[in-house]
C-alpha atoms as a PDB file:
ATOM      1  CA  MET A   1      64.295  71.921 -62.367  1.00  0.00           C
ATOM      2  CA  LYS A   2      61.264  71.490 -64.697  1.00  0.00           C
ATOM      3  CA  LYS A   3      58.808  74.108 -64.401  1.00  0.00           C
ATOM      4  CA  ILE A   4      55.211  73.876 -64.490  1.00  0.00           C
ATOM      5  CA  LEU A   5      52.593  76.267 -64.521  1.00  0.00           C
ATOM      6  CA  ILE A   6      48.817  74.917 -62.899  1.00  0.00           C
ATOM      7  CA  ALA A   7      46.226  76.605 -63.140  1.00  0.00           C
ATOM      8  CA  ASP A   8      42.525  75.826 -61.471  1.00  0.00           C
ATOM      9  CA  ASP A   9      39.823  77.400 -60.048  1.00  0.00           C
ATOM     10  CA  ASP A  10      39.446  74.972 -57.243  1.00  0.00           C
ATOM     11  CA  ARG A  11      41.902  75.645 -54.631  1.00  0.00           C
ATOM     12  CA  ALA A  12      41.737  72.074 -53.243  1.00  0.00           C
ATOM     13  CA  ILE A  13      42.528  70.868 -56.461  1.00  0.00           C
ATOM     14  CA  LEU A  14      45.534  73.087 -56.932  1.00  0.00           C
ATOM     15  CA  THR A  15      46.827  71.992 -53.556  1.00  0.00           C
ATOM     16  CA  LEU A  16      47.023  68.541 -54.442  1.00  0.00           C
ATOM     17  CA  LEU A  17      48.690  68.765 -57.717  1.00  0.00           C
ATOM     18  CA  SER A  18      51.301  71.677 -56.689  1.00  0.00           C
ATOM     19  CA  TYR A  19      52.114  69.239 -53.578  1.00  0.00           C
ATOM     20  CA  ASN A  20      52.779  65.962 -55.749  1.00  0.00           C
ATOM     21  CA  PHE A  21      54.571  67.756 -58.531  1.00  0.00           C
ATOM     22  CA  ARG A  22      56.630  69.617 -56.261  1.00  0.00           C
ATOM     23  CA  GLN A  23      57.212  65.880 -54.771  1.00  0.00           C
ATOM     24  CA  ASN A  24      58.425  64.981 -58.427  1.00  0.00           C
ATOM     25  CA  ASP A  25      60.791  67.465 -58.489  1.00  0.00           C
ATOM     26  CA  TYR A  26      58.964  70.446 -60.517  1.00  0.00           C
ATOM     27  CA  GLU A  27      58.895  74.385 -59.762  1.00  0.00           C
ATOM     28  CA  VAL A  28      55.719  74.863 -59.357  1.00  0.00           C
ATOM     29  CA  THR A  29      53.641  78.214 -60.065  1.00  0.00           C
ATOM     30  CA  ILE A  30      49.653  78.473 -59.143  1.00  0.00           C
ATOM     31  CA  VAL A  31      47.138  80.249 -60.377  1.00  0.00           C
ATOM     32  CA  SER A  32      43.177  80.296 -60.104  1.00  0.00           C
ATOM     33  CA  ASP A  33      42.147  81.532 -63.613  1.00  0.00           C
ATOM     34  CA  GLY A  34      42.095  81.270 -67.380  1.00  0.00           C
ATOM     35  CA  LYS A  35      43.446  85.223 -67.601  1.00  0.00           C
ATOM     36  CA  LYS A  36      46.362  84.724 -65.346  1.00  0.00           C
ATOM     37  CA  ALA A  37      47.374  81.606 -66.595  1.00  0.00           C
ATOM     38  CA  TYR A  38      47.715  82.910 -69.949  1.00  0.00           C
ATOM     39  CA  ASP A  39      49.357  86.080 -68.647  1.00  0.00           C
ATOM     40  CA  LYS A  40      51.784  83.872 -66.929  1.00  0.00           C
ATOM     41  CA  ALA A  41      52.567  81.874 -69.669  1.00  0.00           C
ATOM     42  CA  ARG A  42      53.309  84.762 -72.264  1.00  0.00           C
ATOM     43  CA  LYS A  43      55.467  86.214 -69.597  1.00  0.00           C
ATOM     44  CA  ASN A  44      57.332  83.678 -68.083  1.00  0.00           C
ATOM     45  CA  PRO A  45      59.042  80.489 -69.544  1.00  0.00           C
ATOM     46  CA  PHE A  46      57.635  76.906 -68.446  1.00  0.00           C
ATOM     47  CA  ASP A  47      58.049  73.717 -69.551  1.00  0.00           C
ATOM     48  CA  LEU A  48      54.473  72.519 -68.940  1.00  0.00           C
ATOM     49  CA  LEU A  49      50.878  73.870 -68.627  1.00  0.00           C
ATOM     50  CA  LEU A  50      48.828  72.283 -66.574  1.00  0.00           C
ATOM     51  CA  LEU A  51      45.129  73.981 -66.900  1.00  0.00           C
ATOM     52  CA  ASP A  52      41.387  72.929 -65.671  1.00  0.00           C
ATOM     53  CA  LEU A  53      39.353  73.014 -68.640  1.00  0.00           C
ATOM     54  CA  MET A  54      36.763  75.572 -66.934  1.00  0.00           C
ATOM     55  CA  MET A  55      37.718  77.998 -65.369  1.00  0.00           C
ATOM     56  CA  PRO A  56      36.679  81.868 -64.649  1.00  0.00           C
ATOM     57  CA  GLU A  57      37.918  84.359 -67.627  1.00  0.00           C
ATOM     58  CA  TYR A  58      39.454  82.027 -69.562  1.00  0.00           C
ATOM     59  CA  SER A  59      39.050  77.865 -70.309  1.00  0.00           C
ATOM     60  CA  GLY A  60      41.845  75.818 -70.781  1.00  0.00           C
ATOM     61  CA  ILE A  61      40.687  75.760 -74.670  1.00  0.00           C
ATOM     62  CA  GLU A  62      40.766  79.650 -74.615  1.00  0.00           C
ATOM     63  CA  VAL A  63      43.933  79.983 -73.142  1.00  0.00           C
ATOM     64  CA  THR A  64      45.720  77.511 -75.615  1.00  0.00           C
ATOM     65  CA  GLN A  65      43.993  78.987 -78.544  1.00  0.00           C
ATOM     66  CA  LYS A  66      45.539  82.431 -77.203  1.00  0.00           C
ATOM     67  CA  LEU A  67      48.991  81.251 -76.989  1.00  0.00           C
ATOM     68  CA  ARG A  68      49.117  78.956 -79.876  1.00  0.00           C
ATOM     69  CA  LYS A  69      48.179  81.998 -81.879  1.00  0.00           C
ATOM     70  CA  GLU A  70      50.778  84.153 -80.730  1.00  0.00           C
ATOM     71  CA  GLY A  71      53.970  80.887 -81.420  1.00  0.00           C
ATOM     72  CA  ASN A  72      53.480  79.966 -77.411  1.00  0.00           C
ATOM     73  CA  PHE A  73      53.836  76.036 -77.964  1.00  0.00           C
ATOM     74  CA  THR A  74      54.693  75.527 -74.602  1.00  0.00           C
ATOM     75  CA  PRO A  75      53.224  72.065 -74.199  1.00  0.00           C
ATOM     76  CA  ILE A  76      49.413  72.094 -72.515  1.00  0.00           C
ATOM     77  CA  LEU A  77      47.700  69.433 -70.671  1.00  0.00           C
ATOM     78  CA  ILE A  78      44.565  69.911 -69.812  1.00  0.00           C
ATOM     79  CA  LEU A  79      42.642  68.580 -66.823  1.00  0.00           C
ATOM     80  CA  THR A  80      38.566  68.345 -66.610  1.00  0.00           C
ATOM     81  CA  ALA A  81      36.622  67.001 -64.828  1.00  0.00           C
ATOM     82  CA  ARG A  82      33.818  66.372 -67.668  1.00  0.00           C
ATOM     83  CA  ASP A  83      34.695  62.509 -69.328  1.00  0.00           C
ATOM     84  CA  ASP A  84      33.439  64.259 -73.069  1.00  0.00           C
ATOM     85  CA  ASP A  85      35.093  62.705 -76.277  1.00  0.00           C
ATOM     86  CA  GLU A  86      34.312  65.617 -78.189  1.00  0.00           C
ATOM     87  CA  MET A  87      35.312  67.965 -75.588  1.00  0.00           C
ATOM     88  CA  LYS A  88      39.087  66.089 -75.378  1.00  0.00           C
ATOM     89  CA  LEU A  89      39.262  66.386 -79.744  1.00  0.00           C
ATOM     90  CA  THR A  90      38.349  69.637 -79.496  1.00  0.00           C
ATOM     91  CA  GLY A  91      40.788  70.589 -76.914  1.00  0.00           C
ATOM     92  CA  LEU A  92      43.512  68.658 -78.864  1.00  0.00           C
ATOM     93  CA  SER A  93      42.677  70.509 -82.205  1.00  0.00           C
ATOM     94  CA  ALA A  94      43.043  73.870 -80.538  1.00  0.00           C
ATOM     95  CA  GLY A  95      46.742  73.067 -79.682  1.00  0.00           C
ATOM     96  CA  SER A  96      46.901  70.863 -76.336  1.00  0.00           C
ATOM     97  CA  ASP A  97      48.896  67.908 -76.196  1.00  0.00           C
ATOM     98  CA  GLU A  98      47.108  66.145 -73.987  1.00  0.00           C
ATOM     99  CA  TYR A  99      43.840  66.270 -72.519  1.00  0.00           C
ATOM    100  CA  LEU A 100      42.992  63.752 -69.054  1.00  0.00           C
ATOM    101  CA  ASP A 101      39.663  63.996 -66.704  1.00  0.00           C
ATOM    102  CA  LYS A 102      40.514  64.665 -62.859  1.00  0.00           C
ATOM    103  CA  THR A 103      39.591  61.021 -62.090  1.00  0.00           C
ATOM    104  CA  THR A 104      43.242  60.012 -63.583  1.00  0.00           C
ATOM    105  CA  PRO A 105      45.326  58.755 -60.841  1.00  0.00           C
ATOM    106  CA  MET A 106      48.062  61.673 -60.009  1.00  0.00           C
ATOM    107  CA  LYS A 107      50.964  58.710 -61.005  1.00  0.00           C
ATOM    108  CA  GLU A 108      49.602  58.665 -64.413  1.00  0.00           C
ATOM    109  CA  ILE A 109      48.935  62.521 -64.867  1.00  0.00           C
ATOM    110  CA  ILE A 110      52.966  62.978 -64.156  1.00  0.00           C
ATOM    111  CA  VAL A 111      54.112  60.163 -66.173  1.00  0.00           C
ATOM    112  CA  ARG A 112      52.206  61.814 -69.214  1.00  0.00           C
ATOM    113  CA  ALA A 113      53.488  65.388 -68.177  1.00  0.00           C
ATOM    114  CA  ASP A 114      57.081  64.326 -67.523  1.00  0.00           C
ATOM    115  CA  ALA A 115      56.730  62.838 -71.292  1.00  0.00           C
ATOM    116  CA  LEU A 116      54.824  65.806 -73.464  1.00  0.00           C
ATOM    117  CA  ILE A 117      58.480  67.720 -71.153  1.00  0.00           C
ATOM    118  CA  ARG A 118      60.623  64.636 -72.913  1.00  0.00           C
ATOM    119  CA  ARG A 119      58.683  64.764 -76.062  1.00  0.00           C
ATOM    120  CA  ASN A 120      58.669  68.580 -76.437  1.00  0.00           C
ATOM    121  CA  GLN A 121      62.862  68.507 -75.799  1.00  0.00           C
ATOM    122  CA  MET A 122      63.562  65.954 -78.251  1.00  0.00           C
ATOM    123  CA  TYR A 123      61.652  67.681 -80.919  1.00  0.00           C
ATOM    124  CA  ASN A 124      63.326  70.939 -80.437  1.00  0.00           C
ATOM    125  CA  GLN A 125      66.762  69.368 -80.210  1.00  0.00           C
ATOM    126  CA  ALA A 126      67.599  66.386 -81.862  1.00  0.00           C
ATOM    127  CA  PRO A 127      65.645  64.035 -83.822  1.00  0.00           C
ATOM    128  CA  SER A 128      64.945  60.603 -81.976  1.00  0.00           C
ATOM    129  CA  GLU A 129      65.274  57.099 -83.234  1.00  0.00           C
ATOM    130  CA  THR A 130      62.370  55.103 -84.633  1.00  0.00           C
ATOM    131  CA  VAL A 131      59.570  56.365 -86.097  1.00  0.00           C
ATOM    132  CA  SER A 132      61.231  59.909 -86.704  1.00  0.00           C
ATOM    133  CA  GLU A 133      64.703  58.346 -87.542  1.00  0.00           C
ATOM    134  CA  ALA A 134      64.013  59.741 -91.248  1.00  0.00           C
ATOM    135  CA  LEU A 135      64.306  63.306 -90.059  1.00  0.00           C
ATOM    136  CA  ASP A 136      68.127  63.314 -89.764  1.00  0.00           C
ATOM    137  CA  GLU A 137      69.516  65.090 -92.538  1.00  0.00           C
ATOM    138  CA  SER A 138      66.570  66.062 -93.815  1.00  0.00           C
ATOM    139  CA  PRO A 139      65.828  68.749 -96.185  1.00  0.00           C
ATOM    140  CA  SER A 140      64.906  72.108 -94.941  1.00  0.00           C
ATOM    141  CA  SER A 141      61.608  71.814 -96.942  1.00  0.00           C
ATOM    142  CA  LEU A 142      59.513  69.772 -98.981  1.00  0.00           C
ATOM    143  CA  VAL A 143      58.086  71.511-102.182  1.00  0.00           C
ATOM    144  CA  THR A 144      55.567  70.544-104.666  1.00  0.00           C
ATOM    145  CA  ASP A 145      53.566  71.783-107.320  1.00  0.00           C
ATOM    146  CA  ARG A 146      50.868  73.073-104.591  1.00  0.00           C
ATOM    147  CA  LEU A 147      52.307  72.643-101.849  1.00  0.00           C
ATOM    148  CA  VAL A 148      55.533  73.891 -99.776  1.00  0.00           C
ATOM    149  CA  ILE A 149      56.346  72.717 -96.245  1.00  0.00           C
ATOM    150  CA  ASP A 150      59.086  74.393 -94.484  1.00  0.00           C
ATOM    151  CA  PHE A 151      60.816  72.697 -91.951  1.00  0.00           C
ATOM    152  CA  ILE A 152      63.179  75.633 -90.441  1.00  0.00           C
ATOM    153  CA  LYS A 153      59.863  78.045 -90.426  1.00  0.00           C
ATOM    154  CA  LYS A 154      57.265  75.547 -89.446  1.00  0.00           C
ATOM    155  CA  GLU A 155      55.111  76.969 -92.555  1.00  0.00           C
ATOM    156  CA  VAL A 156      52.862  75.079 -94.799  1.00  0.00           C
ATOM    157  CA  THR A 157      51.775  77.147 -98.163  1.00  0.00           C
ATOM    158  CA  PHE A 158      48.961  75.469 -99.920  1.00  0.00           C
ATOM    159  CA  ASP A 159      48.590  76.906-103.468  1.00  0.00           C
ATOM    160  CA  GLU A 160      50.083  80.336-102.545  1.00  0.00           C
ATOM    161  CA  LYS A 161      48.469  80.260 -98.626  1.00  0.00           C
ATOM    162  CA  VAL A 162      49.577  79.831 -95.557  1.00  0.00           C
ATOM    163  CA  LEU A 163      47.833  77.241 -93.897  1.00  0.00           C
ATOM    164  CA  ASP A 164      47.012  77.868 -90.009  1.00  0.00           C
ATOM    165  CA  LEU A 165      48.161  74.770 -88.704  1.00  0.00           C
ATOM    166  CA  THR A 166      48.107  73.797 -84.858  1.00  0.00           C
ATOM    167  CA  LYS A 167      51.836  72.336 -83.639  1.00  0.00           C
ATOM    168  CA  ARG A 168      50.451  69.114 -83.092  1.00  0.00           C
ATOM    169  CA  GLU A 169      49.215  69.337 -86.757  1.00  0.00           C
ATOM    170  CA  PHE A 170      52.247  70.934 -88.742  1.00  0.00           C
ATOM    171  CA  GLU A 171      54.462  67.998 -86.458  1.00  0.00           C
ATOM    172  CA  ILE A 172      52.518  65.219 -87.706  1.00  0.00           C
ATOM    173  CA  LEU A 173      52.577  66.583 -91.372  1.00  0.00           C
ATOM    174  CA  GLU A 174      56.057  66.961 -90.924  1.00  0.00           C
ATOM    175  CA  LEU A 175      56.866  63.567 -89.719  1.00  0.00           C
ATOM    176  CA  LEU A 176      54.514  61.993 -92.851  1.00  0.00           C
ATOM    177  CA  ALA A 177      56.141  64.514 -95.519  1.00  0.00           C
ATOM    178  CA  LYS A 178      59.867  63.390 -94.239  1.00  0.00           C
ATOM    179  CA  ARG A 179      58.706  59.580 -94.150  1.00  0.00           C
ATOM    180  CA  GLU A 180      57.219  60.033 -97.572  1.00  0.00           C
ATOM    181  CA  GLY A 181      55.893  56.702 -99.189  1.00  0.00           C
ATOM    182  CA  LYS A 182      56.657  55.242 -95.884  1.00  0.00           C
ATOM    183  CA  ILE A 183      53.715  54.005 -93.666  1.00  0.00           C
ATOM    184  CA  VAL A 184      53.050  55.236 -90.438  1.00  0.00           C
ATOM    185  CA  SER A 185      50.594  53.449 -87.844  1.00  0.00           C
ATOM    186  CA  ARG A 186      48.245  55.219 -85.341  1.00  0.00           C
ATOM    187  CA  GLU A 187      50.167  53.518 -82.690  1.00  0.00           C
ATOM    188  CA  GLU A 188      53.484  54.707 -83.722  1.00  0.00           C
ATOM    189  CA  LEU A 189      52.167  58.063 -84.108  1.00  0.00           C
ATOM    190  CA  LEU A 190      50.801  58.213 -80.290  1.00  0.00           C
ATOM    191  CA  GLN A 191      53.918  56.831 -79.062  1.00  0.00           C
ATOM    192  CA  HIS A 192      56.069  59.584 -80.750  1.00  0.00           C
ATOM    193  CA  PHE A 193      53.676  62.661 -80.316  1.00  0.00           C
ATOM    194  CA  TRP A 194      52.371  61.282 -76.889  1.00  0.00           C
ATOM    195  CA  GLY A 195      54.561  58.895 -75.284  1.00  0.00           C
ATOM    196  CA  ILE A 196      51.672  56.407 -75.511  1.00  0.00           C
ATOM    197  CA  SER A 197      50.572  53.173 -77.664  1.00  0.00           C
ATOM    198  CA  ASP A 198      47.098  53.103 -76.428  1.00  0.00           C
ATOM    199  CA  THR A 199      44.822  51.707 -79.393  1.00  0.00           C
ATOM    200  CA  ALA A 200      41.766  53.089 -77.452  1.00  0.00           C
ATOM    201  CA  GLU A 201      43.353  56.804 -78.009  1.00  0.00           C
ATOM    202  CA  THR A 202      44.021  56.453 -81.688  1.00  0.00           C
ATOM    203  CA  ARG A 203      40.663  58.187 -82.869  1.00  0.00           C
ATOM    204  CA  THR A 204      42.888  61.503 -81.316  1.00  0.00           C
ATOM    205  CA  ILE A 205      45.420  60.669 -84.394  1.00  0.00           C
ATOM    206  CA  ASP A 206      42.302  59.916 -86.561  1.00  0.00           C
ATOM    207  CA  VAL A 207      40.508  63.341 -86.096  1.00  0.00           C
ATOM    208  CA  LEU A 208      44.180  65.191 -86.003  1.00  0.00           C
ATOM    209  CA  ILE A 209      44.796  64.006 -89.638  1.00  0.00           C
ATOM    210  CA  SER A 210      41.195  64.452 -90.757  1.00  0.00           C
ATOM    211  CA  LYS A 211      41.612  68.086 -90.012  1.00  0.00           C
ATOM    212  CA  ILE A 212      44.842  68.017 -91.662  1.00  0.00           C
ATOM    213  CA  ARG A 213      43.328  66.997 -94.942  1.00  0.00           C
ATOM    214  CA  LYS A 214      40.794  69.140 -95.176  1.00  0.00           C
ATOM    215  CA  LYS A 215      43.199  72.124 -94.923  1.00  0.00           C
ATOM    216  CA  LEU A 216      45.109  70.917 -98.038  1.00  0.00           C
ATOM    217  CA  ASN A 217      41.612  69.651 -99.993  1.00  0.00           C
ATOM    218  CA  ASN A 218      42.126  65.580 -99.209  1.00  0.00           C
ATOM    219  CA  HIS A 219      45.307  66.003-101.162  1.00  0.00           C
ATOM    220  CA  TYR A 220      48.511  64.001-100.114  1.00  0.00           C
ATOM    221  CA  ILE A 221      47.847  62.118 -97.281  1.00  0.00           C
ATOM    222  CA  LYS A 222      46.784  59.013 -97.473  1.00  0.00           C
ATOM    223  CA  THR A 223      45.605  55.793 -96.025  1.00  0.00           C
ATOM    224  CA  LYS A 224      46.348  52.345 -96.212  1.00  0.00           C
ATOM    225  CA  ARG A 225      43.539  50.305 -93.952  1.00  0.00           C
ATOM    226  CA  GLY A 226      43.913  48.707 -91.159  1.00  0.00           C
ATOM    227  CA  PHE A 227      47.985  49.720 -91.390  1.00  0.00           C
ATOM    228  CA  GLY A 228      48.405  53.723 -91.028  1.00  0.00           C
ATOM    229  CA  TYR A 229      48.569  56.393 -92.926  1.00  0.00           C
ATOM    230  CA  TYR A 230      51.713  57.944 -95.406  1.00  0.00           C
ATOM    231  CA  PHE A 231      52.705  61.145 -97.346  1.00  0.00           C
ATOM    232  CA  ASP A 232      52.328  60.975-101.098  1.00  0.00           C
ATOM    233  CA  GLU A 233      53.021  63.957-103.594  1.00  0.00           C
ATOM    234  CA  ASN A 234      51.002  62.918-105.969  1.00  0.00           C
ATOM    235  CA  GLU A 235      47.729  65.097-104.918  1.00  0.00           C
ATOM    236  CA  THR A 236      44.874  62.319-105.919  1.00  0.00           C
END
């Protein structure tokens, strides 16, 4: 049975979410503020964390940042009453895996949750076909004059400095690096990491790529206009 932690300070929403997830074969733990969510997530294994954006003590984004800094990469889905693209991108940049507003139909929330868990299990166990087929029998690291990507330790070193990448940023860089020279579209990246291919969501990919590029001083990741992104060992 899949284990989910749901954090929200609205009792009615907690009741609604917990009921629907239990009906879909989830073992549900509920808490009413961000600190309790953080403490529970640190001490117990969950398949997914479903966090409200605005909560007492810690916000959903703060919980995400704290866990990611500690190396906890449990999939995180943030729910919010705010329909705000910038806040959504802030949440994703902090390390959350999905960001939905509370008007999203319950069925879709559960489908997205299932997809996040499935994707995480696939990533941690065995590479899938399609966009990740190049992950099979790939080297344990990629080394250039200035860049080292350790695929085992999940660590990136640039100019002898270890970079602070979020889980999703590392995964995107890893995938592009292992498919060096091959163009990967935004839609493929969305499908691979989020289980969706909605063109309306491609800005999320653009923002994450921009953040990775900034950390690499705009080297290595290139754009094929109208097609997607690719990795090139050539620094320029």
